[in-house]
């Protein structure tokens, strides 16, 4: 079998990776041997602390890069900066995401721009900016989608369609970029509650709908990403739900 069980010598860029799920993805890829580019928008302090810890383990194995995913010029600069640091790019994980409800009747253009930029526009244009390097490395893209990109989440009239678009983009890229670049998606279920909190009764209702009757962890998502970039040589154009079986029945 031609499986790469180590990421030694590989370089990964993970967007929105200063904290939460993105941070865990970075840690897993780094543990497997990759050098990691930590993208952030507002979380500069968290990104710097993460990079410092990783570099203490392996010098110059991590670096921070700031960019606004809604600004296509900054995305081009981001790709160029990562290449200037590492001289190659093997893995792109489009993880960064804004998430909040937008009930119909109160949606603003700012809501639209923010949610579309982080969940669809950014991944599209960053993938395009990174494509020459990914092709040269015969690399891979992993998009962090959402189970609610397939089945709508109440009052999320921009977020769910944006994730649906990211899911379709994943399939489009997989179809067009092979054989040089593989593209897949990971669709989390209940992994981390929103930072502003979820009502207790809402959490109980969600957990009751999951066959495994529990939430997952960021490690579950990061482990799936690691599989896709290190061992899933013949997996392409797939969106893997990591949700405890929640989307199996709805």
C-alpha atoms as a PDB file:
ATOM      1  CA  UNK A   1       0.000   0.000   0.000  1.00  0.00           C
ATOM      2  CA  UNK A   2       1.173   3.512  -0.795  1.00  0.00           C
ATOM      3  CA  UNK A   3       0.104   5.287   2.378  1.00  0.00           C
ATOM      4  CA  UNK A   4       1.903   8.224   3.881  1.00  0.00           C
ATOM      5  CA  UNK A   5       1.665   7.646   7.604  1.00  0.00           C
ATOM      6  CA  UNK A   6       3.846  10.628   8.463  1.00  0.00           C
ATOM      7  CA  UNK A   7       3.655  14.250   7.399  1.00  0.00           C
ATOM      8  CA  UNK A   8       7.393  14.849   7.779  1.00  0.00           C
ATOM      9  CA  UNK A   9       8.504  17.441   5.237  1.00  0.00           C
ATOM     10  CA  UNK A  10       4.938  18.503   4.483  1.00  0.00           C
ATOM     11  CA  UNK A  11       3.520  21.999   4.984  1.00  0.00           C
ATOM     12  CA  UNK A  12      -0.064  22.723   6.008  1.00  0.00           C
ATOM     13  CA  UNK A  13      -2.049  25.958   6.071  1.00  0.00           C
ATOM     14  CA  UNK A  14      -5.099  25.902   8.350  1.00  0.00           C
ATOM     15  CA  UNK A  15      -7.424  28.907   8.367  1.00  0.00           C
ATOM     16  CA  UNK A  16      -8.994  30.120  11.583  1.00  0.00           C
ATOM     17  CA  UNK A  17      -6.578  27.987  13.545  1.00  0.00           C
ATOM     18  CA  UNK A  18      -5.682  30.062  16.587  1.00  0.00           C
ATOM     19  CA  UNK A  19      -8.347  28.400  18.744  1.00  0.00           C
ATOM     20  CA  UNK A  20     -11.205  25.886  18.951  1.00  0.00           C
ATOM     21  CA  UNK A  21     -11.342  23.178  16.252  1.00  0.00           C
ATOM     22  CA  UNK A  22      -8.765  24.878  14.036  1.00  0.00           C
ATOM     23  CA  UNK A  23      -6.202  24.852  16.830  1.00  0.00           C
ATOM     24  CA  UNK A  24      -6.739  21.127  17.389  1.00  0.00           C
ATOM     25  CA  UNK A  25      -6.319  20.437  13.676  1.00  0.00           C
ATOM     26  CA  UNK A  26      -3.018  22.328  13.703  1.00  0.00           C
ATOM     27  CA  UNK A  27      -1.819  20.367  16.737  1.00  0.00           C
ATOM     28  CA  UNK A  28      -2.661  17.017  15.120  1.00  0.00           C
ATOM     29  CA  UNK A  29      -0.936  17.898  11.849  1.00  0.00           C
ATOM     30  CA  UNK A  30       2.099  19.188  13.729  1.00  0.00           C
ATOM     31  CA  UNK A  31       2.248  16.043  15.877  1.00  0.00           C
ATOM     32  CA  UNK A  32       2.326  14.026  12.638  1.00  0.00           C
ATOM     33  CA  UNK A  33       5.398  15.946  11.494  1.00  0.00           C
ATOM     34  CA  UNK A  34       4.026  18.793   9.364  1.00  0.00           C
ATOM     35  CA  UNK A  35       5.152  22.385   9.482  1.00  0.00           C
ATOM     36  CA  UNK A  36       2.033  24.452  10.085  1.00  0.00           C
ATOM     37  CA  UNK A  37       0.945  27.898   8.952  1.00  0.00           C
ATOM     38  CA  UNK A  38      -1.501  29.255  11.538  1.00  0.00           C
ATOM     39  CA  UNK A  39      -3.974  31.689   9.986  1.00  0.00           C
ATOM     40  CA  UNK A  40      -5.922  34.159  12.100  1.00  0.00           C
ATOM     41  CA  UNK A  41      -7.978  37.286  11.602  1.00  0.00           C
ATOM     42  CA  UNK A  42      -8.476  38.815  15.053  1.00  0.00           C
ATOM     43  CA  UNK A  43      -6.893  36.218  17.356  1.00  0.00           C
ATOM     44  CA  UNK A  44      -3.278  37.297  17.022  1.00  0.00           C
ATOM     45  CA  UNK A  45      -2.370  36.641  20.655  1.00  0.00           C
ATOM     46  CA  UNK A  46      -3.814  33.123  20.640  1.00  0.00           C
ATOM     47  CA  UNK A  47      -2.087  32.359  17.327  1.00  0.00           C
ATOM     48  CA  UNK A  48       1.263  33.593  18.628  1.00  0.00           C
ATOM     49  CA  UNK A  49       0.967  31.523  21.793  1.00  0.00           C
ATOM     50  CA  UNK A  50       0.129  28.407  19.787  1.00  0.00           C
ATOM     51  CA  UNK A  51       3.057  28.942  17.419  1.00  0.00           C
ATOM     52  CA  UNK A  52       5.440  29.524  20.322  1.00  0.00           C
ATOM     53  CA  UNK A  53       4.470  26.243  21.921  1.00  0.00           C
ATOM     54  CA  UNK A  54       4.875  24.298  18.696  1.00  0.00           C
ATOM     55  CA  UNK A  55       8.200  25.944  17.885  1.00  0.00           C
ATOM     56  CA  UNK A  56       9.466  25.026  21.337  1.00  0.00           C
ATOM     57  CA  UNK A  57       8.923  21.420  20.293  1.00  0.00           C
ATOM     58  CA  UNK A  58      10.419  21.808  16.784  1.00  0.00           C
ATOM     59  CA  UNK A  59      12.109  25.084  15.848  1.00  0.00           C
ATOM     60  CA  UNK A  60      10.583  26.964  12.901  1.00  0.00           C
ATOM     61  CA  UNK A  61       7.815  24.401  12.526  1.00  0.00           C
ATOM     62  CA  UNK A  62       5.000  26.932  12.949  1.00  0.00           C
ATOM     63  CA  UNK A  63       4.338  30.515  11.921  1.00  0.00           C
ATOM     64  CA  UNK A  64       1.377  32.883  12.171  1.00  0.00           C
ATOM     65  CA  UNK A  65      -0.241  34.663   9.233  1.00  0.00           C
ATOM     66  CA  UNK A  66      -3.027  37.223   9.501  1.00  0.00           C
ATOM     67  CA  UNK A  67      -5.569  37.801   6.736  1.00  0.00           C
ATOM     68  CA  UNK A  68      -9.179  38.811   6.134  1.00  0.00           C
ATOM     69  CA  UNK A  69     -10.798  35.948   4.221  1.00  0.00           C
ATOM     70  CA  UNK A  70     -13.198  38.368   2.548  1.00  0.00           C
ATOM     71  CA  UNK A  71     -10.356  40.320   0.931  1.00  0.00           C
ATOM     72  CA  UNK A  72      -9.111  38.467  -2.136  1.00  0.00           C
ATOM     73  CA  UNK A  73      -5.911  40.546  -2.325  1.00  0.00           C
ATOM     74  CA  UNK A  74      -5.040  39.500   1.230  1.00  0.00           C
ATOM     75  CA  UNK A  75      -5.643  35.857   0.309  1.00  0.00           C
ATOM     76  CA  UNK A  76      -3.134  36.093  -2.521  1.00  0.00           C
ATOM     77  CA  UNK A  77      -0.662  37.666  -0.103  1.00  0.00           C
ATOM     78  CA  UNK A  78      -1.395  34.941   2.454  1.00  0.00           C
ATOM     79  CA  UNK A  79      -0.565  32.194  -0.039  1.00  0.00           C
ATOM     80  CA  UNK A  80       2.609  33.993  -1.130  1.00  0.00           C
ATOM     81  CA  UNK A  81       3.685  34.579   2.479  1.00  0.00           C
ATOM     82  CA  UNK A  82       3.287  30.924   3.417  1.00  0.00           C
ATOM     83  CA  UNK A  83       5.315  29.902   0.379  1.00  0.00           C
ATOM     84  CA  UNK A  84       7.938  32.509   1.223  1.00  0.00           C
ATOM     85  CA  UNK A  85       8.295  30.932   4.645  1.00  0.00           C
ATOM     86  CA  UNK A  86       8.104  27.228   3.794  1.00  0.00           C
ATOM     87  CA  UNK A  87       8.833  27.101   0.041  1.00  0.00           C
ATOM     88  CA  UNK A  88       5.999  24.627  -0.529  1.00  0.00           C
ATOM     89  CA  UNK A  89       2.393  23.876   0.405  1.00  0.00           C
ATOM     90  CA  UNK A  90       0.981  20.360   0.627  1.00  0.00           C
ATOM     91  CA  UNK A  91      -2.187  20.762   2.686  1.00  0.00           C
ATOM     92  CA  UNK A  92      -4.850  23.466   2.819  1.00  0.00           C
ATOM     93  CA  UNK A  93      -7.563  23.179   5.468  1.00  0.00           C
ATOM     94  CA  UNK A  94     -10.341  25.736   5.021  1.00  0.00           C
ATOM     95  CA  UNK A  95     -11.592  25.774   8.597  1.00  0.00           C
ATOM     96  CA  UNK A  96     -12.345  29.422   9.461  1.00  0.00           C
ATOM     97  CA  UNK A  97     -16.042  30.097   9.894  1.00  0.00           C
ATOM     98  CA  UNK A  98     -18.411  32.706  11.251  1.00  0.00           C
ATOM     99  CA  UNK A  99     -21.511  31.159  12.825  1.00  0.00           C
ATOM    100  CA  UNK A 100     -24.616  32.873  14.189  1.00  0.00           C
ATOM    101  CA  UNK A 101     -28.363  32.941  13.496  1.00  0.00           C
ATOM    102  CA  UNK A 102     -29.885  35.268  10.913  1.00  0.00           C
ATOM    103  CA  UNK A 103     -33.697  34.994  11.282  1.00  0.00           C
ATOM    104  CA  UNK A 104     -35.554  35.915   8.129  1.00  0.00           C
ATOM    105  CA  UNK A 105     -36.806  39.467   8.222  1.00  0.00           C
ATOM    106  CA  UNK A 106     -33.772  40.782  10.046  1.00  0.00           C
ATOM    107  CA  UNK A 107     -30.889  39.741   7.793  1.00  0.00           C
ATOM    108  CA  UNK A 108     -28.471  42.544   6.950  1.00  0.00           C
ATOM    109  CA  UNK A 109     -25.971  42.877   4.146  1.00  0.00           C
ATOM    110  CA  UNK A 110     -23.222  42.833   6.781  1.00  0.00           C
ATOM    111  CA  UNK A 111     -24.507  39.426   7.942  1.00  0.00           C
ATOM    112  CA  UNK A 112     -24.431  38.205   4.355  1.00  0.00           C
ATOM    113  CA  UNK A 113     -20.916  39.468   3.684  1.00  0.00           C
ATOM    114  CA  UNK A 114     -19.461  38.082   6.911  1.00  0.00           C
ATOM    115  CA  UNK A 115     -21.013  34.624   6.659  1.00  0.00           C
ATOM    116  CA  UNK A 116     -20.438  34.205   2.932  1.00  0.00           C
ATOM    117  CA  UNK A 117     -16.869  35.540   3.140  1.00  0.00           C
ATOM    118  CA  UNK A 118     -15.729  33.110   5.822  1.00  0.00           C
ATOM    119  CA  UNK A 119     -17.725  30.055   4.777  1.00  0.00           C
ATOM    120  CA  UNK A 120     -17.599  30.201   0.976  1.00  0.00           C
ATOM    121  CA  UNK A 121     -15.818  33.126  -0.670  1.00  0.00           C
ATOM    122  CA  UNK A 122     -12.654  32.767   1.391  1.00  0.00           C
ATOM    123  CA  UNK A 123     -12.253  29.021   0.817  1.00  0.00           C
ATOM    124  CA  UNK A 124     -12.854  29.469  -2.921  1.00  0.00           C
ATOM    125  CA  UNK A 125     -10.350  32.248  -3.491  1.00  0.00           C
ATOM    126  CA  UNK A 126      -7.753  30.893  -1.071  1.00  0.00           C
ATOM    127  CA  UNK A 127      -7.902  27.500  -2.792  1.00  0.00           C
ATOM    128  CA  UNK A 128      -7.394  29.271  -6.093  1.00  0.00           C
ATOM    129  CA  UNK A 129      -4.441  31.266  -4.748  1.00  0.00           C
ATOM    130  CA  UNK A 130      -2.819  28.121  -3.339  1.00  0.00           C
ATOM    131  CA  UNK A 131      -3.520  25.935  -6.346  1.00  0.00           C
ATOM    132  CA  UNK A 132      -0.156  26.201  -8.164  1.00  0.00           C
ATOM    133  CA  UNK A 133       1.719  25.162  -5.021  1.00  0.00           C
ATOM    134  CA  UNK A 134      -0.748  22.389  -4.219  1.00  0.00           C
ATOM    135  CA  UNK A 135      -0.492  21.042  -7.752  1.00  0.00           C
ATOM    136  CA  UNK A 136       3.304  21.082  -7.584  1.00  0.00           C
ATOM    137  CA  UNK A 137       3.194  19.127  -4.319  1.00  0.00           C
ATOM    138  CA  UNK A 138       0.343  16.823  -5.434  1.00  0.00           C
ATOM    139  CA  UNK A 139      -1.357  18.049  -2.322  1.00  0.00           C
ATOM    140  CA  UNK A 140      -4.787  18.051  -0.805  1.00  0.00           C
ATOM    141  CA  UNK A 141      -7.558  20.399   0.332  1.00  0.00           C
ATOM    142  CA  UNK A 142      -9.928  19.689   3.211  1.00  0.00           C
ATOM    143  CA  UNK A 143     -12.936  21.950   3.682  1.00  0.00           C
ATOM    144  CA  UNK A 144     -14.673  22.028   7.060  1.00  0.00           C
ATOM    145  CA  UNK A 145     -18.315  22.019   6.058  1.00  0.00           C
ATOM    146  CA  UNK A 146     -21.230  21.314   8.452  1.00  0.00           C
ATOM    147  CA  UNK A 147     -24.025  18.769   8.649  1.00  0.00           C
ATOM    148  CA  UNK A 148     -26.339  21.804   8.436  1.00  0.00           C
ATOM    149  CA  UNK A 149     -25.068  22.490   4.950  1.00  0.00           C
ATOM    150  CA  UNK A 150     -27.212  19.517   3.965  1.00  0.00           C
ATOM    151  CA  UNK A 151     -30.058  19.796   6.443  1.00  0.00           C
ATOM    152  CA  UNK A 152     -30.989  23.356   7.420  1.00  0.00           C
ATOM    153  CA  UNK A 153     -30.577  24.792  10.882  1.00  0.00           C
ATOM    154  CA  UNK A 154     -33.516  26.897  12.042  1.00  0.00           C
ATOM    155  CA  UNK A 155     -32.976  30.670  11.714  1.00  0.00           C
ATOM    156  CA  UNK A 156     -29.591  30.271   9.989  1.00  0.00           C
ATOM    157  CA  UNK A 157     -30.699  31.522   6.577  1.00  0.00           C
ATOM    158  CA  UNK A 158     -27.229  32.606   5.494  1.00  0.00           C
ATOM    159  CA  UNK A 159     -24.926  30.209   7.346  1.00  0.00           C
ATOM    160  CA  UNK A 160     -26.583  26.970   6.178  1.00  0.00           C
ATOM    161  CA  UNK A 161     -26.705  28.024   2.486  1.00  0.00           C
ATOM    162  CA  UNK A 162     -23.071  29.179   2.738  1.00  0.00           C
ATOM    163  CA  UNK A 163     -22.025  25.769   4.040  1.00  0.00           C
ATOM    164  CA  UNK A 164     -24.111  24.108   1.327  1.00  0.00           C
ATOM    165  CA  UNK A 165     -22.154  26.141  -1.211  1.00  0.00           C
ATOM    166  CA  UNK A 166     -18.884  25.039   0.399  1.00  0.00           C
ATOM    167  CA  UNK A 167     -20.006  21.431   0.122  1.00  0.00           C
ATOM    168  CA  UNK A 168     -20.705  21.835  -3.589  1.00  0.00           C
ATOM    169  CA  UNK A 169     -17.404  23.659  -4.047  1.00  0.00           C
ATOM    170  CA  UNK A 170     -15.672  20.673  -2.464  1.00  0.00           C
ATOM    171  CA  UNK A 171     -17.166  18.349  -5.063  1.00  0.00           C
ATOM    172  CA  UNK A 172     -16.488  20.752  -7.940  1.00  0.00           C
ATOM    173  CA  UNK A 173     -12.831  21.132  -7.010  1.00  0.00           C
ATOM    174  CA  UNK A 174     -12.413  17.383  -6.527  1.00  0.00           C
ATOM    175  CA  UNK A 175     -13.775  16.804 -10.011  1.00  0.00           C
ATOM    176  CA  UNK A 176     -11.600  19.425 -11.685  1.00  0.00           C
ATOM    177  CA  UNK A 177      -8.311  19.306  -9.767  1.00  0.00           C
ATOM    178  CA  UNK A 178      -7.566  15.601  -9.974  1.00  0.00           C
ATOM    179  CA  UNK A 179      -5.289  13.813 -10.378  1.00  0.00           C
ATOM    180  CA  UNK A 180      -2.841  16.337  -8.915  1.00  0.00           C
ATOM    181  CA  UNK A 181      -4.937  17.564  -5.975  1.00  0.00           C
ATOM    182  CA  UNK A 182      -7.463  15.664  -3.854  1.00  0.00           C
ATOM    183  CA  UNK A 183     -10.313  17.630  -2.270  1.00  0.00           C
ATOM    184  CA  UNK A 184     -12.606  16.442   0.515  1.00  0.00           C
ATOM    185  CA  UNK A 185     -14.759  17.843   3.269  1.00  0.00           C
ATOM    186  CA  UNK A 186     -15.449  17.094   6.919  1.00  0.00           C
ATOM    187  CA  UNK A 187     -18.913  17.948   8.222  1.00  0.00           C
ATOM    188  CA  UNK A 188     -18.967  18.292  12.025  1.00  0.00           C
ATOM    189  CA  UNK A 189     -22.078  17.737  14.076  1.00  0.00           C
ATOM    190  CA  UNK A 190     -22.300  18.714  17.743  1.00  0.00           C
ATOM    191  CA  UNK A 191     -18.640  19.233  18.605  1.00  0.00           C
ATOM    192  CA  UNK A 192     -18.270  22.550  20.435  1.00  0.00           C
ATOM    193  CA  UNK A 193     -21.159  24.705  21.567  1.00  0.00           C
ATOM    194  CA  UNK A 194     -21.207  28.293  20.264  1.00  0.00           C
ATOM    195  CA  UNK A 195     -18.908  30.603  22.207  1.00  0.00           C
ATOM    196  CA  UNK A 196     -21.887  32.629  23.432  1.00  0.00           C
ATOM    197  CA  UNK A 197     -23.442  29.484  24.881  1.00  0.00           C
ATOM    198  CA  UNK A 198     -26.383  27.239  24.083  1.00  0.00           C
ATOM    199  CA  UNK A 199     -29.466  26.997  26.341  1.00  0.00           C
ATOM    200  CA  UNK A 200     -29.429  23.852  28.464  1.00  0.00           C
ATOM    201  CA  UNK A 201     -32.702  22.616  26.994  1.00  0.00           C
ATOM    202  CA  UNK A 202     -31.318  23.152  23.481  1.00  0.00           C
ATOM    203  CA  UNK A 203     -28.228  21.077  24.258  1.00  0.00           C
ATOM    204  CA  UNK A 204     -30.344  18.273  25.680  1.00  0.00           C
ATOM    205  CA  UNK A 205     -32.561  18.242  22.592  1.00  0.00           C
ATOM    206  CA  UNK A 206     -29.568  18.080  20.264  1.00  0.00           C
ATOM    207  CA  UNK A 207     -27.848  15.308  22.218  1.00  0.00           C
ATOM    208  CA  UNK A 208     -31.053  13.282  22.320  1.00  0.00           C
ATOM    209  CA  UNK A 209     -31.169  13.355  18.511  1.00  0.00           C
ATOM    210  CA  UNK A 210     -27.681  11.806  18.252  1.00  0.00           C
ATOM    211  CA  UNK A 211     -27.615   7.992  18.200  1.00  0.00           C
ATOM    212  CA  UNK A 212     -24.434   8.012  20.314  1.00  0.00           C
ATOM    213  CA  UNK A 213     -26.178  10.353  22.821  1.00  0.00           C
ATOM    214  CA  UNK A 214     -23.147  12.568  23.298  1.00  0.00           C
ATOM    215  CA  UNK A 215     -21.267  15.426  21.712  1.00  0.00           C
ATOM    216  CA  UNK A 216     -18.030  14.869  19.854  1.00  0.00           C
ATOM    217  CA  UNK A 217     -14.709  16.589  20.456  1.00  0.00           C
ATOM    218  CA  UNK A 218     -12.321  18.663  18.339  1.00  0.00           C
ATOM    219  CA  UNK A 219     -10.045  15.609  18.313  1.00  0.00           C
ATOM    220  CA  UNK A 220     -12.724  13.732  16.356  1.00  0.00           C
ATOM    221  CA  UNK A 221     -12.636  16.364  13.607  1.00  0.00           C
ATOM    222  CA  UNK A 222      -8.848  16.688  13.617  1.00  0.00           C
ATOM    223  CA  UNK A 223      -8.461  12.916  13.430  1.00  0.00           C
ATOM    224  CA  UNK A 224     -10.652  12.771  10.337  1.00  0.00           C
ATOM    225  CA  UNK A 225      -8.684  15.590   8.719  1.00  0.00           C
ATOM    226  CA  UNK A 226      -5.439  13.790   9.509  1.00  0.00           C
ATOM    227  CA  UNK A 227      -6.744  10.602   7.898  1.00  0.00           C
ATOM    228  CA  UNK A 228      -7.775  12.463   4.746  1.00  0.00           C
ATOM    229  CA  UNK A 229      -4.404  14.164   4.312  1.00  0.00           C
ATOM    230  CA  UNK A 230      -2.155  11.281   5.351  1.00  0.00           C
ATOM    231  CA  UNK A 231      -3.810   7.980   4.486  1.00  0.00           C
ATOM    232  CA  UNK A 232      -6.888   8.557   2.345  1.00  0.00           C
ATOM    233  CA  UNK A 233      -5.025   8.341  -0.944  1.00  0.00           C
ATOM    234  CA  UNK A 234      -8.100   7.173  -2.889  1.00  0.00           C
ATOM    235  CA  UNK A 235     -10.673   9.335  -1.083  1.00  0.00           C
ATOM    236  CA  UNK A 236     -11.711  12.293  -3.236  1.00  0.00           C
ATOM    237  CA  UNK A 237     -14.822  14.439  -3.534  1.00  0.00           C
ATOM    238  CA  UNK A 238     -16.298  13.145  -0.283  1.00  0.00           C
ATOM    239  CA  UNK A 239     -17.839  14.973   2.649  1.00  0.00           C
ATOM    240  CA  UNK A 240     -17.516  12.878   5.773  1.00  0.00           C
ATOM    241  CA  UNK A 241     -20.032  13.581   8.526  1.00  0.00           C
ATOM    242  CA  UNK A 242     -18.462  13.354  11.985  1.00  0.00           C
ATOM    243  CA  UNK A 243     -21.642  13.685  13.987  1.00  0.00           C
ATOM    244  CA  UNK A 244     -22.284  10.547  16.040  1.00  0.00           C
ATOM    245  CA  UNK A 245     -24.867   9.435  13.498  1.00  0.00           C
ATOM    246  CA  UNK A 246     -27.104  12.482  13.842  1.00  0.00           C
ATOM    247  CA  UNK A 247     -27.473  13.023  10.105  1.00  0.00           C
ATOM    248  CA  UNK A 248     -28.336   9.366   9.498  1.00  0.00           C
ATOM    249  CA  UNK A 249     -31.947   9.893  10.426  1.00  0.00           C
ATOM    250  CA  UNK A 250     -32.802  13.520  11.128  1.00  0.00           C
END
